[in-house]
Amino acid sequence: MSKILLTLSLIASCAFAELKWASSYEAALAQAKKENKKVMVMLSRQECPACEYMEDVVFEEKAVASEVHKNFVPVHLDIHNDFIPEGLGYIGTPTFHFLNAAGKKIGRHDGAANIPTFMGILNKYKK
């Protein structure tokens, strides 16, 4: 019985860790206004090792996913396949832009970051 409870607990914690990305930039802004949150835009591209690290390691961390969902509406844009709104530039990928609910840029981070560093970035822009 305890093995079953442990397995269910593990499954639940893994499911909670998954980020739920907004379907579009416009949807993220609308949701942020509705929920009084900020927007976290991730600009990436296919076959970007640093982007994959963020998705497969950093965003899978329960504490990171929880912090993002608590304070931000995340939206993921591919620089080759999605429209990139004016003012959301990049030099390389990943690039993160942090916006208030009105769409005004409040910060930017270029490149991947490990879990503790990314938590610090989130804490900086959630205020």
Protein backbone atom coordinates (compact mmCIF):
# COMPACT_ATOMS: atom_id res chain seq x y z
CA MET A 1 0.00 0.00 0.00
CA SER A 2 2.78 2.43 0.89
CA LYS A 3 4.45 1.74 -2.48
CA ILE A 4 1.26 2.70 -4.25
CA LEU A 5 0.98 5.95 -2.28
CA LEU A 6 4.64 6.73 -2.94
CA THR A 7 4.18 6.11 -6.66
CA LEU A 8 1.05 8.29 -6.80
CA SER A 9 2.83 11.03 -4.88
CA LEU A 10 5.77 10.91 -7.29
CA ILE A 11 3.48 11.05 -10.31
CA ALA A 12 1.58 14.01 -8.83
CA SER A 13 4.77 15.93 -8.08
CA CYS A 14 6.07 15.36 -11.61
CA ALA A 15 2.80 16.50 -13.14
CA PHE A 16 2.85 19.66 -11.03
CA ALA A 17 6.36 20.53 -12.20
CA GLU A 18 5.33 20.89 -15.84
CA LEU A 19 5.02 24.46 -17.05
CA LYS A 20 1.80 25.34 -18.77
CA TRP A 21 2.78 27.73 -21.55
CA ALA A 22 0.30 30.24 -22.94
CA SER A 23 -0.80 29.44 -26.48
CA SER A 24 0.36 32.80 -27.86
CA TYR A 25 1.88 36.13 -26.90
CA GLU A 26 -1.54 37.78 -27.06
CA ALA A 27 -3.07 35.05 -24.89
CA ALA A 28 -0.28 35.50 -22.34
CA LEU A 29 -0.90 39.25 -22.11
CA ALA A 30 -4.66 38.73 -21.74
CA GLN A 31 -4.17 36.11 -19.03
CA ALA A 32 -1.62 38.29 -17.20
CA LYS A 33 -4.08 41.20 -17.12
CA LYS A 34 -6.86 38.94 -15.89
CA GLU A 35 -4.73 37.33 -13.16
CA ASN A 36 -2.64 40.41 -12.29
CA LYS A 37 0.63 38.64 -13.14
CA LYS A 38 3.70 39.43 -15.16
CA VAL A 39 4.62 37.72 -18.45
CA MET A 40 7.75 35.63 -18.98
CA VAL A 41 8.59 35.31 -22.68
CA MET A 42 11.11 32.63 -23.66
CA LEU A 43 12.61 33.10 -27.11
CA SER A 44 14.19 29.91 -28.38
CA ARG A 45 14.87 27.86 -31.49
CA GLN A 46 14.91 24.20 -32.39
CA GLU A 47 18.09 22.26 -31.69
CA CYS A 48 19.32 24.83 -29.17
CA PRO A 49 21.15 22.90 -26.42
CA ALA A 50 20.78 25.73 -23.90
CA CYS A 51 17.02 25.96 -24.62
CA GLU A 52 16.69 22.20 -24.16
CA TYR A 53 18.55 22.46 -20.85
CA MET A 54 16.07 25.08 -19.64
CA GLU A 55 13.09 22.97 -20.72
CA ASP A 56 14.40 19.56 -19.62
CA VAL A 57 16.17 20.50 -16.38
CA VAL A 58 15.32 23.95 -15.03
CA PHE A 59 11.60 24.07 -15.88
CA GLU A 60 11.12 20.50 -14.67
CA GLU A 61 12.22 21.55 -11.17
CA LYS A 62 9.10 21.77 -9.01
CA ALA A 63 10.23 24.98 -7.24
CA VAL A 64 10.90 26.75 -10.56
CA ALA A 65 7.58 25.70 -12.09
CA SER A 66 5.74 26.74 -8.94
CA GLU A 67 7.42 30.16 -8.85
CA VAL A 68 6.70 30.77 -12.53
CA HIS A 69 3.02 29.85 -12.20
CA LYS A 70 2.61 31.85 -9.02
CA ASN A 71 3.92 35.12 -10.48
CA PHE A 72 4.09 34.89 -14.28
CA VAL A 73 2.26 33.77 -17.37
CA PRO A 74 4.91 31.96 -19.43
CA VAL A 75 4.89 32.02 -23.22
CA HIS A 76 7.37 30.24 -25.46
CA LEU A 77 8.17 31.69 -28.88
CA ASP A 78 10.37 30.05 -31.51
CA ILE A 79 12.45 32.71 -33.29
CA HIS A 80 12.13 30.89 -36.64
CA ASN A 81 8.48 29.86 -36.49
CA ASP A 82 6.62 32.45 -34.40
CA PHE A 83 6.01 36.18 -34.70
CA ILE A 84 8.37 38.01 -32.35
CA PRO A 85 6.76 41.25 -31.11
CA GLU A 86 8.67 44.50 -31.57
CA GLY A 87 11.03 45.25 -28.71
CA LEU A 88 11.61 41.60 -27.82
CA GLY A 89 15.01 41.24 -29.42
CA TYR A 90 17.62 38.58 -28.98
CA ILE A 91 21.28 37.96 -29.69
CA GLY A 92 21.13 34.23 -29.07
CA THR A 93 18.79 31.73 -27.52
CA PRO A 94 17.34 31.33 -25.06
CA THR A 95 16.46 34.93 -24.29
CA PHE A 96 13.93 35.74 -21.60
CA HIS A 97 11.90 38.93 -21.53
CA PHE A 98 9.86 39.88 -18.49
CA LEU A 99 6.86 42.16 -19.02
CA ASN A 100 4.23 43.70 -16.82
CA ALA A 101 0.57 42.87 -17.51
CA ALA A 102 0.31 45.84 -19.88
CA GLY A 103 3.13 44.44 -22.03
CA LYS A 104 5.81 46.89 -20.94
CA LYS A 105 9.26 45.31 -20.70
CA ILE A 106 10.64 45.26 -17.15
CA GLY A 107 13.67 43.05 -17.68
CA ARG A 108 15.66 40.69 -19.83
CA HIS A 109 17.97 37.74 -19.32
CA ASP A 110 20.14 36.31 -22.09
CA GLY A 111 21.13 32.67 -22.02
CA ALA A 112 20.43 29.62 -19.94
CA ALA A 113 20.79 29.54 -16.17
CA ASN A 114 21.00 26.81 -13.58
CA ILE A 115 18.15 26.33 -11.12
CA PRO A 116 19.42 28.62 -8.30
CA THR A 117 20.37 31.38 -10.74
CA PHE A 118 17.03 31.21 -12.55
CA MET A 119 15.17 31.31 -9.24
CA GLY A 120 17.07 34.54 -8.51
CA ILE A 121 16.06 35.95 -11.88
CA LEU A 122 12.41 35.12 -11.21
CA ASN A 123 12.60 36.73 -7.77
CA LYS A 124 14.12 39.87 -9.30
CA TYR A 125 11.28 40.36 -11.80
CA LYS A 126 8.28 39.17 -9.80
CA LYS A 127 8.18 42.38 -7.73
